[in-house]
Amino acid sequence: MRLQLAIAAGAALGAPARYLVDAALRARLGDRLPWGTLVVNLAGSAAAGVVAGLRPGALLTALLAVGFLGAFTTASTLAAELVERLRSGWWAAAGLLALHVVPGLLLAGAGLALGRALG
């Protein structure tokens, strides 16, 4: 039960944080590109790597990685944005996907290394 509560608490903070980041970036940069989704997914990848590298235990992992980062990052919004980009062609969608996946993997690896070094 403690793990479920930790996940719920983390998610209750992660979802509003995602919304605020997205709203701030849209206001500053416009919505030509989905900057908010990109930033939260890349930041979440790096943070998940750090958490994995630190290995803080089940409760903190549930709170931070599963709860907060699970709600902060967003696969569903990315999927909707990819479908929208398909209207401009396959290359536009593929480019957006690559912009999320390639740096996301690199940032997760860097975060993992940092977490291990700190832990």
N, C-alpha and C. Protein backbone atom coordinates (compact mmCIF):
# COMPACT_ATOMS: atom_id res chain seq x y z
N MET A 1 0.83 -1.20 0.00
CA MET A 1 0.00 0.00 0.00
C MET A 1 0.86 1.26 0.00
N ARG A 2 2.02 1.20 0.68
CA ARG A 2 2.90 2.37 0.72
C ARG A 2 3.41 2.72 -0.67
N LEU A 3 3.72 1.70 -1.48
CA LEU A 3 4.20 1.95 -2.83
C LEU A 3 3.13 2.64 -3.67
N GLN A 4 1.89 2.18 -3.55
CA GLN A 4 0.80 2.78 -4.32
C GLN A 4 0.59 4.24 -3.92
N LEU A 5 0.68 4.54 -2.64
CA LEU A 5 0.53 5.92 -2.18
C LEU A 5 1.69 6.79 -2.67
N ALA A 6 2.89 6.23 -2.69
CA ALA A 6 4.04 6.98 -3.19
C ALA A 6 3.86 7.28 -4.68
N ILE A 7 3.39 6.30 -5.43
CA ILE A 7 3.14 6.51 -6.86
C ILE A 7 2.08 7.58 -7.07
N ALA A 8 1.01 7.51 -6.31
CA ALA A 8 -0.07 8.50 -6.44
C ALA A 8 0.43 9.90 -6.08
N ALA A 9 1.22 10.01 -5.02
CA ALA A 9 1.75 11.32 -4.62
C ALA A 9 2.67 11.88 -5.70
N GLY A 10 3.54 11.05 -6.23
CA GLY A 10 4.44 11.49 -7.29
C GLY A 10 3.67 11.93 -8.52
N ALA A 11 2.67 11.15 -8.91
CA ALA A 11 1.87 11.48 -10.10
C ALA A 11 1.09 12.78 -9.89
N ALA A 12 0.63 13.00 -8.66
CA ALA A 12 -0.12 14.22 -8.36
C ALA A 12 0.75 15.46 -8.53
N LEU A 13 2.06 15.30 -8.41
CA LEU A 13 2.98 16.42 -8.63
C LEU A 13 3.50 16.46 -10.07
N GLY A 14 3.68 15.29 -10.67
CA GLY A 14 4.25 15.22 -12.01
C GLY A 14 3.34 15.76 -13.09
N ALA A 15 2.06 15.45 -13.03
CA ALA A 15 1.13 15.91 -14.07
C ALA A 15 1.01 17.44 -14.10
N PRO A 16 0.81 18.10 -12.96
CA PRO A 16 0.77 19.57 -13.02
C PRO A 16 2.11 20.18 -13.45
N ALA A 17 3.21 19.55 -13.06
CA ALA A 17 4.52 20.06 -13.48
C ALA A 17 4.64 20.00 -15.00
N ARG A 18 4.19 18.90 -15.60
CA ARG A 18 4.22 18.78 -17.06
C ARG A 18 3.38 19.88 -17.70
N TYR A 19 2.20 20.10 -17.18
CA TYR A 19 1.31 21.13 -17.72
C TYR A 19 1.97 22.51 -17.65
N LEU A 20 2.59 22.82 -16.51
CA LEU A 20 3.21 24.13 -16.33
C LEU A 20 4.40 24.33 -17.27
N VAL A 21 5.21 23.29 -17.45
CA VAL A 21 6.34 23.38 -18.38
C VAL A 21 5.82 23.60 -19.80
N ASP A 22 4.82 22.82 -20.19
CA ASP A 22 4.26 22.94 -21.53
C ASP A 22 3.67 24.33 -21.75
N ALA A 23 2.89 24.83 -20.80
CA ALA A 23 2.26 26.14 -20.93
C ALA A 23 3.31 27.25 -21.02
N ALA A 24 4.36 27.16 -20.22
CA ALA A 24 5.41 28.18 -20.24
C ALA A 24 6.15 28.18 -21.57
N LEU A 25 6.44 27.00 -22.09
CA LEU A 25 7.16 26.92 -23.36
C LEU A 25 6.29 27.35 -24.54
N ARG A 26 5.01 27.02 -24.51
CA ARG A 26 4.11 27.48 -25.57
C ARG A 26 4.00 29.01 -25.57
N ALA A 27 3.92 29.59 -24.38
CA ALA A 27 3.82 31.04 -24.28
C ALA A 27 5.09 31.72 -24.79
N ARG A 28 6.22 31.12 -24.53
CA ARG A 28 7.49 31.72 -24.91
C ARG A 28 7.89 31.42 -26.36
N LEU A 29 7.66 30.16 -26.80
CA LEU A 29 8.18 29.72 -28.10
C LEU A 29 7.11 29.49 -29.16
N GLY A 30 5.85 29.56 -28.76
CA GLY A 30 4.78 29.27 -29.70
C GLY A 30 4.55 27.77 -29.81
N ASP A 31 3.69 27.40 -30.75
CA ASP A 31 3.37 25.97 -30.84
C ASP A 31 3.68 25.38 -32.22
N ARG A 32 4.62 26.01 -32.92
CA ARG A 32 5.02 25.44 -34.22
C ARG A 32 5.60 24.05 -34.04
N LEU A 33 6.42 23.89 -33.02
CA LEU A 33 6.92 22.57 -32.61
C LEU A 33 6.40 22.30 -31.20
N PRO A 34 6.16 21.04 -30.87
CA PRO A 34 5.67 20.70 -29.52
C PRO A 34 6.81 20.71 -28.49
N TRP A 35 7.30 21.91 -28.17
CA TRP A 35 8.45 22.05 -27.29
C TRP A 35 8.20 21.48 -25.90
N GLY A 36 7.01 21.67 -25.37
CA GLY A 36 6.72 21.19 -24.02
C GLY A 36 6.87 19.69 -23.91
N THR A 37 6.31 18.97 -24.86
CA THR A 37 6.41 17.52 -24.84
C THR A 37 7.85 17.08 -24.97
N LEU A 38 8.59 17.73 -25.87
CA LEU A 38 9.99 17.37 -26.06
C LEU A 38 10.80 17.61 -24.79
N VAL A 39 10.63 18.77 -24.18
CA VAL A 39 11.41 19.10 -22.99
C VAL A 39 11.08 18.16 -21.83
N VAL A 40 9.81 17.89 -21.58
CA VAL A 40 9.49 17.00 -20.45
C VAL A 40 9.97 15.58 -20.72
N ASN A 41 9.87 15.12 -21.96
CA ASN A 41 10.33 13.76 -22.24
C ASN A 41 11.84 13.63 -22.14
N LEU A 42 12.58 14.64 -22.62
CA LEU A 42 14.04 14.58 -22.52
C LEU A 42 14.50 14.76 -21.07
N ALA A 43 13.91 15.70 -20.35
CA ALA A 43 14.26 15.89 -18.94
C ALA A 43 13.90 14.64 -18.14
N GLY A 44 12.75 14.06 -18.45
CA GLY A 44 12.33 12.84 -17.75
C GLY A 44 13.25 11.67 -18.04
N SER A 45 13.75 11.57 -19.26
CA SER A 45 14.70 10.51 -19.59
C SER A 45 15.97 10.63 -18.77
N ALA A 46 16.50 11.85 -18.70
CA ALA A 46 17.71 12.08 -17.92
C ALA A 46 17.46 11.79 -16.44
N ALA A 47 16.34 12.28 -15.93
CA ALA A 47 16.02 12.08 -14.51
C ALA A 47 15.80 10.60 -14.18
N ALA A 48 15.15 9.88 -15.08
CA ALA A 48 14.95 8.45 -14.85
C ALA A 48 16.28 7.72 -14.81
N GLY A 49 17.21 8.13 -15.66
CA GLY A 49 18.54 7.55 -15.62
C GLY A 49 19.23 7.81 -14.30
N VAL A 50 19.11 9.03 -13.79
CA VAL A 50 19.72 9.37 -12.49
C VAL A 50 19.12 8.50 -11.38
N VAL A 51 17.80 8.41 -11.37
CA VAL A 51 17.13 7.59 -10.34
C VAL A 51 17.60 6.14 -10.44
N ALA A 52 17.66 5.61 -11.65
CA ALA A 52 18.11 4.22 -11.82
C ALA A 52 19.54 4.05 -11.35
N GLY A 53 20.39 5.05 -11.63
CA GLY A 53 21.78 4.96 -11.20
C GLY A 53 21.95 5.07 -9.70
N LEU A 54 21.12 5.89 -9.07
CA LEU A 54 21.18 6.06 -7.61
C LEU A 54 20.63 4.85 -6.86
N ARG A 55 19.66 4.18 -7.49
CA ARG A 55 18.99 3.03 -6.86
C ARG A 55 18.56 3.37 -5.43
N PRO A 56 17.62 4.30 -5.28
CA PRO A 56 17.28 4.80 -3.95
C PRO A 56 16.37 3.89 -3.11
N GLY A 57 16.00 2.75 -3.61
CA GLY A 57 15.10 1.87 -2.89
C GLY A 57 13.71 1.91 -3.50
N ALA A 58 12.91 0.95 -3.12
CA ALA A 58 11.60 0.76 -3.76
C ALA A 58 10.66 1.95 -3.54
N LEU A 59 10.61 2.50 -2.35
CA LEU A 59 9.66 3.57 -2.07
C LEU A 59 10.00 4.86 -2.84
N LEU A 60 11.26 5.26 -2.80
CA LEU A 60 11.64 6.46 -3.54
C LEU A 60 11.59 6.25 -5.05
N THR A 61 11.91 5.06 -5.49
CA THR A 61 11.78 4.77 -6.92
C THR A 61 10.32 4.86 -7.34
N ALA A 62 9.43 4.34 -6.53
CA ALA A 62 8.00 4.43 -6.83
C ALA A 62 7.54 5.89 -6.87
N LEU A 63 7.97 6.68 -5.91
CA LEU A 63 7.59 8.09 -5.85
C LEU A 63 8.15 8.87 -7.03
N LEU A 64 9.45 8.74 -7.26
CA LEU A 64 10.13 9.57 -8.26
C LEU A 64 9.98 9.05 -9.68
N ALA A 65 10.38 7.80 -9.91
CA ALA A 65 10.43 7.28 -11.28
C ALA A 65 9.05 6.89 -11.79
N VAL A 66 8.34 6.12 -11.01
CA VAL A 66 7.04 5.63 -11.48
C VAL A 66 5.98 6.73 -11.36
N GLY A 67 5.89 7.37 -10.21
CA GLY A 67 4.85 8.37 -9.98
C GLY A 67 5.13 9.69 -10.68
N PHE A 68 6.15 10.41 -10.19
CA PHE A 68 6.41 11.74 -10.73
C PHE A 68 6.80 11.70 -12.20
N LEU A 69 7.84 10.95 -12.54
CA LEU A 69 8.30 10.94 -13.92
C LEU A 69 7.32 10.25 -14.86
N GLY A 70 6.58 9.28 -14.35
CA GLY A 70 5.55 8.64 -15.17
C GLY A 70 4.46 9.62 -15.58
N ALA A 71 4.12 10.54 -14.69
CA ALA A 71 3.09 11.54 -15.00
C ALA A 71 3.69 12.77 -15.69
N PHE A 72 4.96 13.05 -15.42
CA PHE A 72 5.62 14.21 -16.00
C PHE A 72 5.92 14.00 -17.49
N THR A 73 6.39 12.82 -17.83
CA THR A 73 6.66 12.51 -19.23
C THR A 73 5.38 12.01 -19.88
N THR A 74 5.37 11.95 -21.21
CA THR A 74 4.11 11.62 -21.85
C THR A 74 4.30 10.93 -23.18
N ALA A 75 3.94 9.69 -23.23
CA ALA A 75 3.94 8.94 -24.49
C ALA A 75 2.65 9.22 -25.26
N SER A 76 1.56 9.41 -24.56
CA SER A 76 0.28 9.60 -25.24
C SER A 76 0.24 10.94 -25.99
N THR A 77 0.77 11.99 -25.39
CA THR A 77 0.80 13.27 -26.08
C THR A 77 1.74 13.19 -27.27
N LEU A 78 2.87 12.52 -27.10
CA LEU A 78 3.80 12.34 -28.23
C LEU A 78 3.10 11.59 -29.36
N ALA A 79 2.36 10.55 -29.04
CA ALA A 79 1.65 9.80 -30.08
C ALA A 79 0.66 10.70 -30.82
N ALA A 80 -0.08 11.52 -30.11
CA ALA A 80 -1.03 12.44 -30.75
C ALA A 80 -0.30 13.45 -31.62
N GLU A 81 0.83 13.94 -31.15
CA GLU A 81 1.60 14.90 -31.94
C GLU A 81 2.20 14.24 -33.18
N LEU A 82 2.58 12.98 -33.07
CA LEU A 82 3.09 12.25 -34.24
C LEU A 82 2.00 12.08 -35.29
N VAL A 83 0.81 11.74 -34.84
CA VAL A 83 -0.31 11.61 -35.77
C VAL A 83 -0.58 12.94 -36.47
N GLU A 84 -0.52 14.03 -35.72
CA GLU A 84 -0.70 15.36 -36.29
C GLU A 84 0.38 15.66 -37.33
N ARG A 85 1.62 15.30 -37.03
CA ARG A 85 2.73 15.53 -37.96
C ARG A 85 2.59 14.69 -39.23
N LEU A 86 1.91 13.55 -39.13
CA LEU A 86 1.72 12.71 -40.31
C LEU A 86 0.97 13.45 -41.41
N ARG A 87 0.19 14.44 -41.02
CA ARG A 87 -0.52 15.26 -42.02
C ARG A 87 0.47 16.03 -42.90
N SER A 88 1.66 16.29 -42.36
CA SER A 88 2.70 16.96 -43.13
C SER A 88 3.61 15.96 -43.84
N GLY A 89 3.40 14.68 -43.60
CA GLY A 89 4.20 13.64 -44.25
C GLY A 89 4.95 12.77 -43.25
N TRP A 90 5.39 11.64 -43.75
CA TRP A 90 6.09 10.66 -42.92
C TRP A 90 7.40 11.22 -42.37
N TRP A 91 8.09 12.02 -43.17
CA TRP A 91 9.37 12.54 -42.71
C TRP A 91 9.21 13.48 -41.52
N ALA A 92 8.15 14.25 -41.51
CA ALA A 92 7.91 15.15 -40.38
C ALA A 92 7.68 14.35 -39.10
N ALA A 93 6.89 13.29 -39.20
CA ALA A 93 6.63 12.44 -38.03
C ALA A 93 7.89 11.70 -37.60
N ALA A 94 8.63 11.17 -38.57
CA ALA A 94 9.86 10.44 -38.25
C ALA A 94 10.88 11.37 -37.60
N GLY A 95 10.96 12.59 -38.09
CA GLY A 95 11.89 13.55 -37.50
C GLY A 95 11.53 13.88 -36.06
N LEU A 96 10.25 14.07 -35.81
CA LEU A 96 9.81 14.36 -34.44
C LEU A 96 10.09 13.17 -33.52
N LEU A 97 9.83 11.97 -33.99
CA LEU A 97 10.10 10.78 -33.19
C LEU A 97 11.59 10.65 -32.90
N ALA A 98 12.41 10.86 -33.91
CA ALA A 98 13.87 10.79 -33.72
C ALA A 98 14.33 11.86 -32.73
N LEU A 99 13.70 13.03 -32.76
CA LEU A 99 14.07 14.11 -31.85
C LEU A 99 13.78 13.75 -30.39
N HIS A 100 12.82 12.87 -30.17
CA HIS A 100 12.51 12.40 -28.83
C HIS A 100 13.37 11.20 -28.44
N VAL A 101 13.49 10.23 -29.32
CA VAL A 101 14.08 8.95 -28.96
C VAL A 101 15.61 9.01 -28.85
N VAL A 102 16.27 9.54 -29.86
CA VAL A 102 17.74 9.51 -29.86
C VAL A 102 18.32 10.32 -28.70
N PRO A 103 17.98 11.60 -28.55
CA PRO A 103 18.51 12.32 -27.39
C PRO A 103 18.00 11.75 -26.07
N GLY A 104 16.77 11.23 -26.07
CA GLY A 104 16.24 10.63 -24.84
C GLY A 104 17.07 9.46 -24.35
N LEU A 105 17.47 8.60 -25.28
CA LEU A 105 18.33 7.46 -24.90
C LEU A 105 19.70 7.94 -24.42
N LEU A 106 20.25 8.93 -25.12
CA LEU A 106 21.54 9.47 -24.71
C LEU A 106 21.47 10.12 -23.33
N LEU A 107 20.41 10.87 -23.09
CA LEU A 107 20.24 11.52 -21.79
C LEU A 107 19.97 10.51 -20.68
N ALA A 108 19.23 9.46 -20.97
CA ALA A 108 19.01 8.42 -19.97
C ALA A 108 20.33 7.75 -19.60
N GLY A 109 21.15 7.48 -20.61
CA GLY A 109 22.46 6.89 -20.34
C GLY A 109 23.36 7.82 -19.54
N ALA A 110 23.36 9.11 -19.88
CA ALA A 110 24.14 10.08 -19.13
C ALA A 110 23.63 10.20 -17.70
N GLY A 111 22.31 10.19 -17.54
CA GLY A 111 21.72 10.26 -16.20
C GLY A 111 22.09 9.03 -15.39
N LEU A 112 22.06 7.88 -16.01
CA LEU A 112 22.45 6.64 -15.33
C LEU A 112 23.90 6.73 -14.84
N ALA A 113 24.79 7.18 -15.71
CA ALA A 113 26.19 7.34 -15.32
C ALA A 113 26.35 8.33 -14.18
N LEU A 114 25.61 9.45 -14.26
CA LEU A 114 25.67 10.44 -13.19
C LEU A 114 25.15 9.87 -11.89
N GLY A 115 24.01 9.18 -11.95
CA GLY A 115 23.45 8.58 -10.75
C GLY A 115 24.39 7.58 -10.11
N ARG A 116 25.03 6.76 -10.92
CA ARG A 116 26.01 5.79 -10.40
C ARG A 116 27.20 6.50 -9.77
N ALA A 117 27.65 7.59 -10.39
CA ALA A 117 28.78 8.32 -9.84
C ALA A 117 28.43 8.99 -8.52
N LEU A 118 27.20 9.47 -8.42
CA LEU A 118 26.76 10.12 -7.18
C LEU A 118 26.43 9.12 -6.08
N GLY A 119 25.98 7.92 -6.50
CA GLY A 119 25.55 6.91 -5.53
C GLY A 119 26.71 6.12 -5.05
